[in-house]
PDB file of N, CA and C in Angstrom:
ATOM      1  N   MET A   1       5.891  17.375 -19.074  1.00  0.00           N
ATOM      2  CA  MET A   1       6.228  16.894 -17.746  1.00  0.00           C
ATOM      3  C   MET A   1       5.735  15.451 -17.609  1.00  0.00           C
ATOM      4  N   THR A   2       6.590  14.565 -17.123  1.00  0.00           N
ATOM      5  CA  THR A   2       6.222  13.160 -16.977  1.00  0.00           C
ATOM      6  C   THR A   2       5.429  12.952 -15.690  1.00  0.00           C
ATOM      7  N   ALA A   3       4.811  11.786 -15.583  1.00  0.00           N
ATOM      8  CA  ALA A   3       4.050  11.454 -14.364  1.00  0.00           C
ATOM      9  C   ALA A   3       4.972  11.452 -13.152  1.00  0.00           C
ATOM     10  N   GLY A   4       6.188  10.938 -13.324  1.00  0.00           N
ATOM     11  CA  GLY A   4       7.148  10.918 -12.213  1.00  0.00           C
ATOM     12  C   GLY A   4       7.500  12.312 -11.731  1.00  0.00           C
ATOM     13  N   ASP A   5       7.659  13.257 -12.671  1.00  0.00           N
ATOM     14  CA  ASP A   5       7.960  14.641 -12.301  1.00  0.00           C
ATOM     15  C   ASP A   5       6.794  15.275 -11.547  1.00  0.00           C
ATOM     16  N   GLU A   6       5.574  14.999 -11.997  1.00  0.00           N
ATOM     17  CA  GLU A   6       4.400  15.547 -11.315  1.00  0.00           C
ATOM     18  C   GLU A   6       4.254  14.956  -9.922  1.00  0.00           C
ATOM     19  N   ILE A   7       4.568  13.682  -9.781  1.00  0.00           N
ATOM     20  CA  ILE A   7       4.470  13.032  -8.470  1.00  0.00           C
ATOM     21  C   ILE A   7       5.502  13.616  -7.511  1.00  0.00           C
ATOM     22  N   THR A   8       6.745  13.738  -7.942  1.00  0.00           N
ATOM     23  CA  THR A   8       7.787  14.265  -7.054  1.00  0.00           C
ATOM     24  C   THR A   8       7.562  15.734  -6.720  1.00  0.00           C
ATOM     25  N   GLY A   9       6.888  16.474  -7.590  1.00  0.00           N
ATOM     26  CA  GLY A   9       6.623  17.879  -7.332  1.00  0.00           C
ATOM     27  C   GLY A   9       5.389  18.151  -6.505  1.00  0.00           C
ATOM     28  N   SER A  10       4.587  17.134  -6.249  1.00  0.00           N
ATOM     29  CA  SER A  10       3.330  17.349  -5.519  1.00  0.00           C
ATOM     30  C   SER A  10       3.560  17.438  -4.010  1.00  0.00           C
ATOM     31  N   ARG A  11       2.645  18.092  -3.318  1.00  0.00           N
ATOM     32  CA  ARG A  11       2.737  18.212  -1.855  1.00  0.00           C
ATOM     33  C   ARG A  11       2.390  16.901  -1.156  1.00  0.00           C
ATOM     34  N   TYR A  12       1.385  16.203  -1.676  1.00  0.00           N
ATOM     35  CA  TYR A  12       0.919  14.968  -1.049  1.00  0.00           C
ATOM     36  C   TYR A  12       0.850  13.867  -2.096  1.00  0.00           C
ATOM     37  N   ILE A  13       1.140  12.660  -1.657  1.00  0.00           N
ATOM     38  CA  ILE A  13       0.951  11.508  -2.537  1.00  0.00           C
ATOM     39  C   ILE A  13       0.172  10.441  -1.783  1.00  0.00           C
ATOM     40  N   SER A  14      -0.545   9.658  -2.542  1.00  0.00           N
ATOM     41  CA  SER A  14      -1.244   8.509  -1.993  1.00  0.00           C
ATOM     42  C   SER A  14      -0.325   7.308  -2.205  1.00  0.00           C
ATOM     43  N   LEU A  15       0.133   6.724  -1.111  1.00  0.00           N
ATOM     44  CA  LEU A  15       0.991   5.543  -1.163  1.00  0.00           C
ATOM     45  C   LEU A  15       0.103   4.326  -0.960  1.00  0.00           C
ATOM     46  N   THR A  16       0.026   3.491  -1.970  1.00  0.00           N
ATOM     47  CA  THR A  16      -0.790   2.282  -1.885  1.00  0.00           C
ATOM     48  C   THR A  16       0.124   1.090  -1.684  1.00  0.00           C
ATOM     49  N   THR A  17      -0.090   0.391  -0.566  1.00  0.00           N
ATOM     50  CA  THR A  17       0.609  -0.859  -0.282  1.00  0.00           C
ATOM     51  C   THR A  17      -0.416  -1.985  -0.386  1.00  0.00           C
ATOM     52  N   PHE A  18       0.068  -3.215  -0.386  1.00  0.00           N
ATOM     53  CA  PHE A  18      -0.832  -4.344  -0.637  1.00  0.00           C
ATOM     54  C   PHE A  18      -0.762  -5.364   0.491  1.00  0.00           C
ATOM     55  N   ARG A  19      -1.954  -5.786   0.926  1.00  0.00           N
ATOM     56  CA  ARG A  19      -2.053  -6.828   1.949  1.00  0.00           C
ATOM     57  C   ARG A  19      -1.632  -8.163   1.365  1.00  0.00           C
ATOM     58  N   ARG A  20      -1.481  -9.149   2.228  1.00  0.00           N
ATOM     59  CA  ARG A  20      -1.076 -10.486   1.772  1.00  0.00           C
ATOM     60  C   ARG A  20      -2.040 -11.069   0.752  1.00  0.00           C
ATOM     61  N   ASP A  21      -3.328 -10.743   0.898  1.00  0.00           N
ATOM     62  CA  ASP A  21      -4.319 -11.274  -0.044  1.00  0.00           C
ATOM     63  C   ASP A  21      -4.441 -10.417  -1.306  1.00  0.00           C
ATOM     64  N   GLY A  22      -3.629  -9.365  -1.426  1.00  0.00           N
ATOM     65  CA  GLY A  22      -3.605  -8.539  -2.621  1.00  0.00           C
ATOM     66  C   GLY A  22      -4.472  -7.302  -2.576  1.00  0.00           C
ATOM     67  N   ARG A  23      -5.258  -7.130  -1.511  1.00  0.00           N
ATOM     68  CA  ARG A  23      -6.107  -5.947  -1.409  1.00  0.00           C
ATOM     69  C   ARG A  23      -5.247  -4.701  -1.190  1.00  0.00           C
ATOM     70  N   PRO A  24      -5.526  -3.615  -1.931  1.00  0.00           N
ATOM     71  CA  PRO A  24      -4.739  -2.394  -1.772  1.00  0.00           C
ATOM     72  C   PRO A  24      -5.190  -1.574  -0.574  1.00  0.00           C
ATOM     73  N   VAL A  25      -4.240  -0.886   0.047  1.00  0.00           N
ATOM     74  CA  VAL A  25      -4.520   0.032   1.146  1.00  0.00           C
ATOM     75  C   VAL A  25      -3.779   1.330   0.835  1.00  0.00           C
ATOM     76  N   ALA A  26      -4.529   2.410   0.631  1.00  0.00           N
ATOM     77  CA  ALA A  26      -3.932   3.697   0.278  1.00  0.00           C
ATOM     78  C   ALA A  26      -3.822   4.596   1.510  1.00  0.00           C
ATOM     79  N   THR A  27      -2.704   5.328   1.591  1.00  0.00           N
ATOM     80  CA  THR A  27      -2.454   6.237   2.695  1.00  0.00           C
ATOM     81  C   THR A  27      -1.856   7.535   2.137  1.00  0.00           C
ATOM     82  N   PRO A  28      -2.421   8.704   2.479  1.00  0.00           N
ATOM     83  CA  PRO A  28      -1.791   9.949   2.042  1.00  0.00           C
ATOM     84  C   PRO A  28      -0.548  10.220   2.893  1.00  0.00           C
ATOM     85  N   VAL A  29       0.541  10.599   2.235  1.00  0.00           N
ATOM     86  CA  VAL A  29       1.800  10.838   2.940  1.00  0.00           C
ATOM     87  C   VAL A  29       2.517  12.051   2.358  1.00  0.00           C
ATOM     88  N   TRP A  30       3.439  12.596   3.160  1.00  0.00           N
ATOM     89  CA  TRP A  30       4.384  13.591   2.675  1.00  0.00           C
ATOM     90  C   TRP A  30       5.527  12.845   2.028  1.00  0.00           C
ATOM     91  N   GLN A  31       6.188  13.482   1.084  1.00  0.00           N
ATOM     92  CA  GLN A  31       7.328  12.854   0.436  1.00  0.00           C
ATOM     93  C   GLN A  31       8.352  13.903   0.068  1.00  0.00           C
ATOM     94  N   ALA A  32       9.603  13.451  -0.015  1.00  0.00           N
ATOM     95  CA  ALA A  32      10.689  14.324  -0.447  1.00  0.00           C
ATOM     96  C   ALA A  32      11.527  13.558  -1.462  1.00  0.00           C
ATOM     97  N   PRO A  33      11.689  14.095  -2.665  1.00  0.00           N
ATOM     98  CA  PRO A  33      12.511  13.408  -3.660  1.00  0.00           C
ATOM     99  C   PRO A  33      13.992  13.489  -3.300  1.00  0.00           C
ATOM    100  N   HIS A  34      14.712  12.385  -3.558  1.00  0.00           N
ATOM    101  CA  HIS A  34      16.148  12.348  -3.273  1.00  0.00           C
ATOM    102  C   HIS A  34      16.802  11.278  -4.146  1.00  0.00           C
ATOM    103  N   ASP A  35      17.705  11.683  -5.012  1.00  0.00           N
ATOM    104  CA  ASP A  35      18.474  10.769  -5.866  1.00  0.00           C
ATOM    105  C   ASP A  35      17.591   9.759  -6.607  1.00  0.00           C
ATOM    106  N   GLY A  36      16.523  10.236  -7.215  1.00  0.00           N
ATOM    107  CA  GLY A  36      15.668   9.368  -8.011  1.00  0.00           C
ATOM    108  C   GLY A  36      14.693   8.530  -7.213  1.00  0.00           C
ATOM    109  N   GLU A  37      14.618   8.746  -5.913  1.00  0.00           N
ATOM    110  CA  GLU A  37      13.671   8.024  -5.058  1.00  0.00           C
ATOM    111  C   GLU A  37      12.795   9.029  -4.327  1.00  0.00           C
ATOM    112  N   LEU A  38      11.682   8.557  -3.815  1.00  0.00           N
ATOM    113  CA  LEU A  38      10.829   9.356  -2.946  1.00  0.00           C
ATOM    114  C   LEU A  38      11.057   8.880  -1.521  1.00  0.00           C
ATOM    115  N   PHE A  39      11.431   9.785  -0.633  1.00  0.00           N
ATOM    116  CA  PHE A  39      11.599   9.441   0.769  1.00  0.00           C
ATOM    117  C   PHE A  39      10.332   9.774   1.525  1.00  0.00           C
ATOM    118  N   ILE A  40       9.911   8.846   2.364  1.00  0.00           N
ATOM    119  CA  ILE A  40       8.714   8.965   3.185  1.00  0.00           C
ATOM    120  C   ILE A  40       9.107   8.513   4.580  1.00  0.00           C
ATOM    121  N   VAL A  41       8.514   9.089   5.610  1.00  0.00           N
ATOM    122  CA  VAL A  41       8.751   8.603   6.969  1.00  0.00           C
ATOM    123  C   VAL A  41       7.425   8.171   7.585  1.00  0.00           C
ATOM    124  N   SER A  42       7.506   7.189   8.470  1.00  0.00           N
ATOM    125  CA  SER A  42       6.310   6.635   9.094  1.00  0.00           C
ATOM    126  C   SER A  42       6.680   6.065  10.455  1.00  0.00           C
ATOM    127  N   GLU A  43       5.687   5.897  11.294  1.00  0.00           N
ATOM    128  CA  GLU A  43       5.932   5.189  12.548  1.00  0.00           C
ATOM    129  C   GLU A  43       6.295   3.751  12.203  1.00  0.00           C
ATOM    130  N   ALA A  44       7.253   3.211  12.922  1.00  0.00           N
ATOM    131  CA  ALA A  44       7.784   1.883  12.599  1.00  0.00           C
ATOM    132  C   ALA A  44       6.740   0.779  12.734  1.00  0.00           C
ATOM    133  N   ASP A  45       5.723   0.981  13.559  1.00  0.00           N
ATOM    134  CA  ASP A  45       4.717  -0.067  13.743  1.00  0.00           C
ATOM    135  C   ASP A  45       3.448   0.177  12.918  1.00  0.00           C
ATOM    136  N   ALA A  46       3.502   1.103  11.957  1.00  0.00           N
ATOM    137  CA  ALA A  46       2.339   1.406  11.119  1.00  0.00           C
ATOM    138  C   ALA A  46       2.028   0.249  10.178  1.00  0.00           C
ATOM    139  N   GLY A  47       0.787   0.165   9.784  1.00  0.00           N
ATOM    140  CA  GLY A  47       0.351  -0.905   8.893  1.00  0.00           C
ATOM    141  C   GLY A  47       1.098  -0.930   7.578  1.00  0.00           C
ATOM    142  N   LYS A  48       1.366   0.241   7.013  1.00  0.00           N
ATOM    143  CA  LYS A  48       2.062   0.270   5.714  1.00  0.00           C
ATOM    144  C   LYS A  48       3.457  -0.328   5.817  1.00  0.00           C
ATOM    145  N   VAL A  49       4.109  -0.141   6.952  1.00  0.00           N
ATOM    146  CA  VAL A  49       5.449  -0.710   7.148  1.00  0.00           C
ATOM    147  C   VAL A  49       5.356  -2.228   7.248  1.00  0.00           C
ATOM    148  N   LYS A  50       4.373  -2.710   7.964  1.00  0.00           N
ATOM    149  CA  LYS A  50       4.181  -4.165   8.075  1.00  0.00           C
ATOM    150  C   LYS A  50       3.878  -4.774   6.710  1.00  0.00           C
ATOM    151  N   ARG A  51       3.032  -4.088   5.924  1.00  0.00           N
ATOM    152  CA  ARG A  51       2.713  -4.609   4.592  1.00  0.00           C
ATOM    153  C   ARG A  51       3.927  -4.587   3.677  1.00  0.00           C
ATOM    154  N   LEU A  52       4.788  -3.577   3.808  1.00  0.00           N
ATOM    155  CA  LEU A  52       5.986  -3.509   2.964  1.00  0.00           C
ATOM    156  C   LEU A  52       6.981  -4.629   3.278  1.00  0.00           C
ATOM    157  N   LYS A  53       6.956  -5.127   4.478  1.00  0.00           N
ATOM    158  CA  LYS A  53       7.846  -6.242   4.825  1.00  0.00           C
ATOM    159  C   LYS A  53       7.441  -7.510   4.081  1.00  0.00           C
ATOM    160  N   ASN A  54       6.178  -7.607   3.702  1.00  0.00           N
ATOM    161  CA  ASN A  54       5.682  -8.776   2.972  1.00  0.00           C
ATOM    162  C   ASN A  54       5.665  -8.580   1.462  1.00  0.00           C
ATOM    163  N   ASN A  55       5.451  -7.350   1.017  1.00  0.00           N
ATOM    164  CA  ASN A  55       5.319  -7.074  -0.410  1.00  0.00           C
ATOM    165  C   ASN A  55       5.838  -5.668  -0.677  1.00  0.00           C
ATOM    166  N   THR A  56       6.922  -5.550  -1.426  1.00  0.00           N
ATOM    167  CA  THR A  56       7.544  -4.243  -1.671  1.00  0.00           C
ATOM    168  C   THR A  56       6.936  -3.490  -2.851  1.00  0.00           C
ATOM    169  N   THR A  57       5.957  -4.068  -3.510  1.00  0.00           N
ATOM    170  CA  THR A  57       5.297  -3.396  -4.625  1.00  0.00           C
ATOM    171  C   THR A  57       4.371  -2.306  -4.093  1.00  0.00           C
ATOM    172  N   VAL A  58       4.474  -1.101  -4.675  1.00  0.00           N
ATOM    173  CA  VAL A  58       3.628   0.017  -4.261  1.00  0.00           C
ATOM    174  C   VAL A  58       3.107   0.746  -5.495  1.00  0.00           C
ATOM    175  N   ARG A  59       2.100   1.564  -5.258  1.00  0.00           N
ATOM    176  CA  ARG A  59       1.584   2.462  -6.289  1.00  0.00           C
ATOM    177  C   ARG A  59       1.486   3.833  -5.642  1.00  0.00           C
ATOM    178  N   VAL A  60       1.967   4.851  -6.335  1.00  0.00           N
ATOM    179  CA  VAL A  60       1.874   6.217  -5.820  1.00  0.00           C
ATOM    180  C   VAL A  60       1.090   7.060  -6.810  1.00  0.00           C
ATOM    181  N   ALA A  61       0.323   7.990  -6.270  1.00  0.00           N
ATOM    182  CA  ALA A  61      -0.477   8.890  -7.097  1.00  0.00           C
ATOM    183  C   ALA A  61      -0.565  10.238  -6.402  1.00  0.00           C
ATOM    184  N   VAL A  62      -0.676  11.281  -7.182  1.00  0.00           N
ATOM    185  CA  VAL A  62      -0.869  12.615  -6.633  1.00  0.00           C
ATOM    186  C   VAL A  62      -2.248  12.661  -5.981  1.00  0.00           C
ATOM    187  N   CYS A  63      -2.318  13.228  -4.777  1.00  0.00           N
ATOM    188  CA  CYS A  63      -3.598  13.317  -4.062  1.00  0.00           C
ATOM    189  C   CYS A  63      -3.680  14.650  -3.343  1.00  0.00           C
ATOM    190  N   ASP A  64      -4.818  14.885  -2.692  1.00  0.00           N
ATOM    191  CA  ASP A  64      -4.959  16.085  -1.875  1.00  0.00           C
ATOM    192  C   ASP A  64      -4.662  15.742  -0.416  1.00  0.00           C
ATOM    193  N   LEU A  65      -4.824  16.717   0.449  1.00  0.00           N
ATOM    194  CA  LEU A  65      -4.532  16.557   1.875  1.00  0.00           C
ATOM    195  C   LEU A  65      -5.265  15.384   2.510  1.00  0.00           C
ATOM    196  N   ARG A  66      -6.465  15.107   2.064  1.00  0.00           N
ATOM    197  CA  ARG A  66      -7.272  14.028   2.636  1.00  0.00           C
ATOM    198  C   ARG A  66      -7.050  12.682   1.953  1.00  0.00           C
ATOM    199  N   GLY A  67      -6.179  12.646   0.956  1.00  0.00           N
ATOM    200  CA  GLY A  67      -5.887  11.398   0.277  1.00  0.00           C
ATOM    201  C   GLY A  67      -6.757  11.103  -0.921  1.00  0.00           C
ATOM    202  N   ARG A  68      -7.567  12.070  -1.323  1.00  0.00           N
ATOM    203  CA  ARG A  68      -8.425  11.873  -2.492  1.00  0.00           C
ATOM    204  C   ARG A  68      -7.600  12.011  -3.762  1.00  0.00           C
ATOM    205  N   VAL A  69      -7.690  10.990  -4.605  1.00  0.00           N
ATOM    206  CA  VAL A  69      -6.967  10.975  -5.873  1.00  0.00           C
ATOM    207  C   VAL A  69      -7.949  11.355  -6.978  1.00  0.00           C
ATOM    208  N   ALA A  70      -7.609  12.368  -7.747  1.00  0.00           N
ATOM    209  CA  ALA A  70      -8.461  12.795  -8.864  1.00  0.00           C
ATOM    210  C   ALA A  70      -8.452  11.718  -9.949  1.00  0.00           C
ATOM    211  N   PRO A  71      -9.526  11.596 -10.732  1.00  0.00           N
ATOM    212  CA  PRO A  71      -9.597  10.553 -11.762  1.00  0.00           C
ATOM    213  C   PRO A  71      -8.442  10.588 -12.773  1.00  0.00           C
ATOM    214  N   ASN A  72      -7.934  11.772 -13.090  1.00  0.00           N
ATOM    215  CA  ASN A  72      -6.858  11.878 -14.066  1.00  0.00           C
ATOM    216  C   ASN A  72      -5.496  12.182 -13.429  1.00  0.00           C
ATOM    217  N   ALA A  73      -5.363  11.931 -12.132  1.00  0.00           N
ATOM    218  CA  ALA A  73      -4.127  12.240 -11.412  1.00  0.00           C
ATOM    219  C   ALA A  73      -2.968  11.356 -11.882  1.00  0.00           C
ATOM    220  N   PRO A  74      -1.770  11.926 -11.972  1.00  0.00           N
ATOM    221  CA  PRO A  74      -0.607  11.121 -12.344  1.00  0.00           C
ATOM    222  C   PRO A  74      -0.355  10.027 -11.306  1.00  0.00           C
ATOM    223  N   ALA A  75      -0.044   8.839 -11.770  1.00  0.00           N
ATOM    224  CA  ALA A  75       0.222   7.702 -10.881  1.00  0.00           C
ATOM    225  C   ALA A  75       1.320   6.844 -11.488  1.00  0.00           C
ATOM    226  N   ALA A  76       1.999   6.097 -10.633  1.00  0.00           N
ATOM    227  CA  ALA A  76       3.067   5.214 -11.109  1.00  0.00           C
ATOM    228  C   ALA A  76       3.235   4.054 -10.141  1.00  0.00           C
ATOM    229  N   ASP A  77       3.652   2.919 -10.682  1.00  0.00           N
ATOM    230  CA  ASP A  77       3.981   1.756  -9.864  1.00  0.00           C
ATOM    231  C   ASP A  77       5.467   1.803  -9.531  1.00  0.00           C
ATOM    232  N   GLY A  78       5.815   1.220  -8.405  1.00  0.00           N
ATOM    233  CA  GLY A  78       7.216   1.203  -8.002  1.00  0.00           C
ATOM    234  C   GLY A  78       7.478   0.142  -6.964  1.00  0.00           C
ATOM    235  N   THR A  79       8.698   0.152  -6.463  1.00  0.00           N
ATOM    236  CA  THR A  79       9.081  -0.750  -5.380  1.00  0.00           C
ATOM    237  C   THR A  79       9.593   0.089  -4.225  1.00  0.00           C
ATOM    238  N   ALA A  80       9.351  -0.401  -3.034  1.00  0.00           N
ATOM    239  CA  ALA A  80       9.752   0.326  -1.831  1.00  0.00           C
ATOM    240  C   ALA A  80      10.738  -0.506  -1.028  1.00  0.00           C
ATOM    241  N   ARG A  81      11.533   0.191  -0.259  1.00  0.00           N
ATOM    242  CA  ARG A  81      12.445  -0.473   0.668  1.00  0.00           C
ATOM    243  C   ARG A  81      12.468   0.334   1.953  1.00  0.00           C
ATOM    244  N   LEU A  82      12.694  -0.369   3.051  1.00  0.00           N
ATOM    245  CA  LEU A  82      12.795   0.302   4.342  1.00  0.00           C
ATOM    246  C   LEU A  82      14.221   0.803   4.509  1.00  0.00           C
ATOM    247  N   LEU A  83      14.368   1.959   5.129  1.00  0.00           N
ATOM    248  CA  LEU A  83      15.673   2.595   5.265  1.00  0.00           C
ATOM    249  C   LEU A  83      16.342   2.255   6.593  1.00  0.00           C
ATOM    250  N   SER A  84      17.657   2.340   6.600  1.00  0.00           N
ATOM    251  CA  SER A  84      18.432   2.151   7.828  1.00  0.00           C
ATOM    252  C   SER A  84      18.233   3.376   8.727  1.00  0.00           C
ATOM    253  N   GLU A  85      18.776   3.331   9.932  1.00  0.00           N
ATOM    254  CA  GLU A  85      18.639   4.458  10.857  1.00  0.00           C
ATOM    255  C   GLU A  85      19.278   5.720  10.297  1.00  0.00           C
ATOM    256  N   VAL A  86      20.440   5.586   9.680  1.00  0.00           N
ATOM    257  CA  VAL A  86      21.134   6.744   9.112  1.00  0.00           C
ATOM    258  C   VAL A  86      20.328   7.321   7.950  1.00  0.00           C
ATOM    259  N   GLU A  87      19.833   6.460   7.084  1.00  0.00           N
ATOM    260  CA  GLU A  87      19.020   6.910   5.956  1.00  0.00           C
ATOM    261  C   GLU A  87      17.703   7.521   6.429  1.00  0.00           C
ATOM    262  N   THR A  88      17.123   6.957   7.488  1.00  0.00           N
ATOM    263  CA  THR A  88      15.886   7.499   8.048  1.00  0.00           C
ATOM    264  C   THR A  88      16.116   8.907   8.579  1.00  0.00           C
ATOM    265  N   ALA A  89      17.247   9.137   9.240  1.00  0.00           N
ATOM    266  CA  ALA A  89      17.564  10.479   9.738  1.00  0.00           C
ATOM    267  C   ALA A  89      17.665  11.466   8.579  1.00  0.00           C
ATOM    268  N   ALA A  90      18.275  11.051   7.481  1.00  0.00           N
ATOM    269  CA  ALA A  90      18.373  11.913   6.301  1.00  0.00           C
ATOM    270  C   ALA A  90      16.993  12.173   5.710  1.00  0.00           C
ATOM    271  N   ALA A  91      16.153  11.149   5.664  1.00  0.00           N
ATOM    272  CA  ALA A  91      14.796  11.301   5.140  1.00  0.00           C
ATOM    273  C   ALA A  91      13.994  12.266   6.012  1.00  0.00           C
ATOM    274  N   ARG A  92      14.135  12.153   7.319  1.00  0.00           N
ATOM    275  CA  ARG A  92      13.421  13.061   8.226  1.00  0.00           C
ATOM    276  C   ARG A  92      13.861  14.500   8.003  1.00  0.00           C
ATOM    277  N   GLU A  93      15.150  14.696   7.770  1.00  0.00           N
ATOM    278  CA  GLU A  93      15.669  16.039   7.513  1.00  0.00           C
ATOM    279  C   GLU A  93      15.093  16.612   6.207  1.00  0.00           C
ATOM    280  N   LEU A  94      15.055  15.786   5.172  1.00  0.00           N
ATOM    281  CA  LEU A  94      14.497  16.235   3.892  1.00  0.00           C
ATOM    282  C   LEU A  94      13.014  16.586   4.019  1.00  0.00           C
ATOM    283  N   ILE A  95      12.268  15.752   4.737  1.00  0.00           N
ATOM    284  CA  ILE A  95      10.835  16.020   4.952  1.00  0.00           C
ATOM    285  C   ILE A  95      10.666  17.318   5.747  1.00  0.00           C
ATOM    286  N   ALA A  96      11.487  17.509   6.780  1.00  0.00           N
ATOM    287  CA  ALA A  96      11.387  18.709   7.609  1.00  0.00           C
ATOM    288  C   ALA A  96      11.699  19.968   6.799  1.00  0.00           C
ATOM    289  N   ARG A  97      12.651  19.878   5.878  1.00  0.00           N
ATOM    290  CA  ARG A  97      12.965  21.031   5.027  1.00  0.00           C
ATOM    291  C   ARG A  97      11.795  21.401   4.120  1.00  0.00           C
ATOM    292  N   ARG A  98      11.073  20.394   3.691  1.00  0.00           N
ATOM    293  CA  ARG A  98      10.003  20.617   2.717  1.00  0.00           C
ATOM    294  C   ARG A  98       8.669  21.012   3.359  1.00  0.00           C
ATOM    295  N   TYR A  99       8.419  20.555   4.595  1.00  0.00           N
ATOM    296  CA  TYR A  99       7.111  20.757   5.226  1.00  0.00           C
ATOM    297  C   TYR A  99       7.251  21.493   6.558  1.00  0.00           C
ATOM    298  N   LEU A 100       6.667  22.666   6.644  1.00  0.00           N
ATOM    299  CA  LEU A 100       6.712  23.484   7.849  1.00  0.00           C
ATOM    300  C   LEU A 100       6.098  22.751   9.037  1.00  0.00           C
ATOM    301  N   LEU A 101       4.981  22.075   8.831  1.00  0.00           N
ATOM    302  CA  LEU A 101       4.326  21.369   9.945  1.00  0.00           C
ATOM    303  C   LEU A 101       5.230  20.294  10.546  1.00  0.00           C
ATOM    304  N   SER A 102       6.061  19.685   9.742  1.00  0.00           N
ATOM    305  CA  SER A 102       7.003  18.696  10.255  1.00  0.00           C
ATOM    306  C   SER A 102       8.017  19.369  11.184  1.00  0.00           C
ATOM    307  N   ARG A 103       8.525  20.519  10.766  1.00  0.00           N
ATOM    308  CA  ARG A 103       9.482  21.249  11.605  1.00  0.00           C
ATOM    309  C   ARG A 103       8.842  21.671  12.914  1.00  0.00           C
ATOM    310  N   ILE A 104       7.605  22.154  12.849  1.00  0.00           N
ATOM    311  CA  ILE A 104       6.911  22.587  14.060  1.00  0.00           C
ATOM    312  C   ILE A 104       6.698  21.407  15.004  1.00  0.00           C
ATOM    313  N   GLY A 105       6.218  20.279  14.465  1.00  0.00           N
ATOM    314  CA  GLY A 105       5.993  19.090  15.298  1.00  0.00           C
ATOM    315  C   GLY A 105       7.273  18.571  15.925  1.00  0.00           C
ATOM    316  N   ASN A 106       8.348  18.512  15.144  1.00  0.00           N
ATOM    317  CA  ASN A 106       9.629  18.053  15.679  1.00  0.00           C
ATOM    318  C   ASN A 106      10.139  18.990  16.764  1.00  0.00           C
ATOM    319  N   GLY A 107       9.995  20.305  16.538  1.00  0.00           N
ATOM    320  CA  GLY A 107      10.443  21.285  17.526  1.00  0.00           C
ATOM    321  C   GLY A 107       9.649  21.202  18.821  1.00  0.00           C
ATOM    322  N   LEU A 108       8.334  21.068  18.704  1.00  0.00           N
ATOM    323  CA  LEU A 108       7.505  20.939  19.910  1.00  0.00           C
ATOM    324  C   LEU A 108       7.821  19.667  20.678  1.00  0.00           C
ATOM    325  N   SER A 109       8.076  18.583  19.967  1.00  0.00           N
ATOM    326  CA  SER A 109       8.423  17.324  20.631  1.00  0.00           C
ATOM    327  C   SER A 109       9.698  17.472  21.442  1.00  0.00           C
ATOM    328  N   ARG A 110      10.681  18.146  20.861  1.00  0.00           N
ATOM    329  CA  ARG A 110      11.941  18.361  21.584  1.00  0.00           C
ATOM    330  C   ARG A 110      11.733  19.299  22.765  1.00  0.00           C
ATOM    331  N   LEU A 111      11.004  20.389  22.532  1.00  0.00           N
ATOM    332  CA  LEU A 111      10.774  21.390  23.570  1.00  0.00           C
ATOM    333  C   LEU A 111      10.033  20.796  24.767  1.00  0.00           C
ATOM    334  N   LEU A 112       8.996  20.025  24.491  1.00  0.00           N
ATOM    335  CA  LEU A 112       8.180  19.444  25.554  1.00  0.00           C
ATOM    336  C   LEU A 112       8.691  18.086  26.030  1.00  0.00           C
ATOM    337  N   ARG A 113       9.775  17.631  25.409  1.00  0.00           N
ATOM    338  CA  ARG A 113      10.388  16.335  25.733  1.00  0.00           C
ATOM    339  C   ARG A 113       9.372  15.196  25.680  1.00  0.00           C
ATOM    340  N   LEU A 114       8.602  15.211  24.610  1.00  0.00           N
ATOM    341  CA  LEU A 114       7.602  14.167  24.412  1.00  0.00           C
ATOM    342  C   LEU A 114       8.268  12.885  23.944  1.00  0.00           C
ATOM    343  N   ARG A 115       7.781  11.788  24.450  1.00  0.00           N
ATOM    344  CA  ARG A 115       8.273  10.490  23.993  1.00  0.00           C
ATOM    345  C   ARG A 115       7.585  10.174  22.675  1.00  0.00           C
ATOM    346  N   ARG A 116       8.376   9.865  21.668  1.00  0.00           N
ATOM    347  CA  ARG A 116       7.818   9.583  20.348  1.00  0.00           C
ATOM    348  C   ARG A 116       8.036   8.134  19.988  1.00  0.00           C
ATOM    349  N   LYS A 117       7.100   7.612  19.205  1.00  0.00           N
ATOM    350  CA  LYS A 117       7.245   6.243  18.721  1.00  0.00           C
ATOM    351  C   LYS A 117       8.413   6.187  17.742  1.00  0.00           C
ATOM    352  N   PRO A 118       9.048   5.022  17.611  1.00  0.00           N
ATOM    353  CA  PRO A 118      10.144   4.893  16.642  1.00  0.00           C
ATOM    354  C   PRO A 118       9.646   5.188  15.222  1.00  0.00           C
ATOM    355  N   ILE A 119      10.514   5.850  14.471  1.00  0.00           N
ATOM    356  CA  ILE A 119      10.216   6.240  13.091  1.00  0.00           C
ATOM    357  C   ILE A 119      11.110   5.456  12.154  1.00  0.00           C
ATOM    358  N   ILE A 120      10.580   5.124  10.992  1.00  0.00           N
ATOM    359  CA  ILE A 120      11.369   4.442   9.965  1.00  0.00           C
ATOM    360  C   ILE A 120      11.126   5.140   8.628  1.00  0.00           C
ATOM    361  N   GLY A 121      12.145   5.160   7.818  1.00  0.00           N
ATOM    362  CA  GLY A 121      12.043   5.760   6.504  1.00  0.00           C
ATOM    363  C   GLY A 121      11.701   4.715   5.443  1.00  0.00           C
ATOM    364  N   ILE A 122      11.043   5.177   4.402  1.00  0.00           N
ATOM    365  CA  ILE A 122      10.682   4.322   3.255  1.00  0.00           C
ATOM    366  C   ILE A 122      11.179   5.045   2.012  1.00  0.00           C
ATOM    367  N   ALA A 123      11.869   4.322   1.146  1.00  0.00           N
ATOM    368  CA  ALA A 123      12.304   4.869  -0.136  1.00  0.00           C
ATOM    369  C   ALA A 123      11.530   4.161  -1.230  1.00  0.00           C
ATOM    370  N   VAL A 124      10.922   4.947  -2.118  1.00  0.00           N
ATOM    371  CA  VAL A 124      10.149   4.388  -3.229  1.00  0.00           C
ATOM    372  C   VAL A 124      10.874   4.696  -4.535  1.00  0.00           C
ATOM    373  N   GLN A 125      11.169   3.665  -5.273  1.00  0.00           N
ATOM    374  CA  GLN A 125      11.782   3.788  -6.604  1.00  0.00           C
ATOM    375  C   GLN A 125      10.680   3.624  -7.632  1.00  0.00           C
ATOM    376  N   LEU A 126      10.451   4.663  -8.435  1.00  0.00           N
ATOM    377  CA  LEU A 126       9.401   4.600  -9.459  1.00  0.00           C
ATOM    378  C   LEU A 126       9.935   3.995 -10.743  1.00  0.00           C
TER     379      LEU A 126
END
């Protein structure tokens, strides 16, 4: 099994984006593989989205729920791109299919008519 296969099969990945000065910032995220890319969703005003607008280089690694990466965990470098509204909707659907908590949160938001921050999708090519 390759590192890419282990990454796409994992429940959580650590997405590392880079600040303008080159310092890395790692964030644990959910991901759903689709057509050779990893789809991720995030709030549109999140730091990782702002950093991706300046530098599309990313590093992904298998991690646990808290974002801890094991010393021998599979990792890979890649490039990321922000998704359009249509692609973001597809990414949200893929994430919801894969993660029960996503479905529950989305359902509660609709049921309670909660106002949600804008969401944007991120596609990572390894």
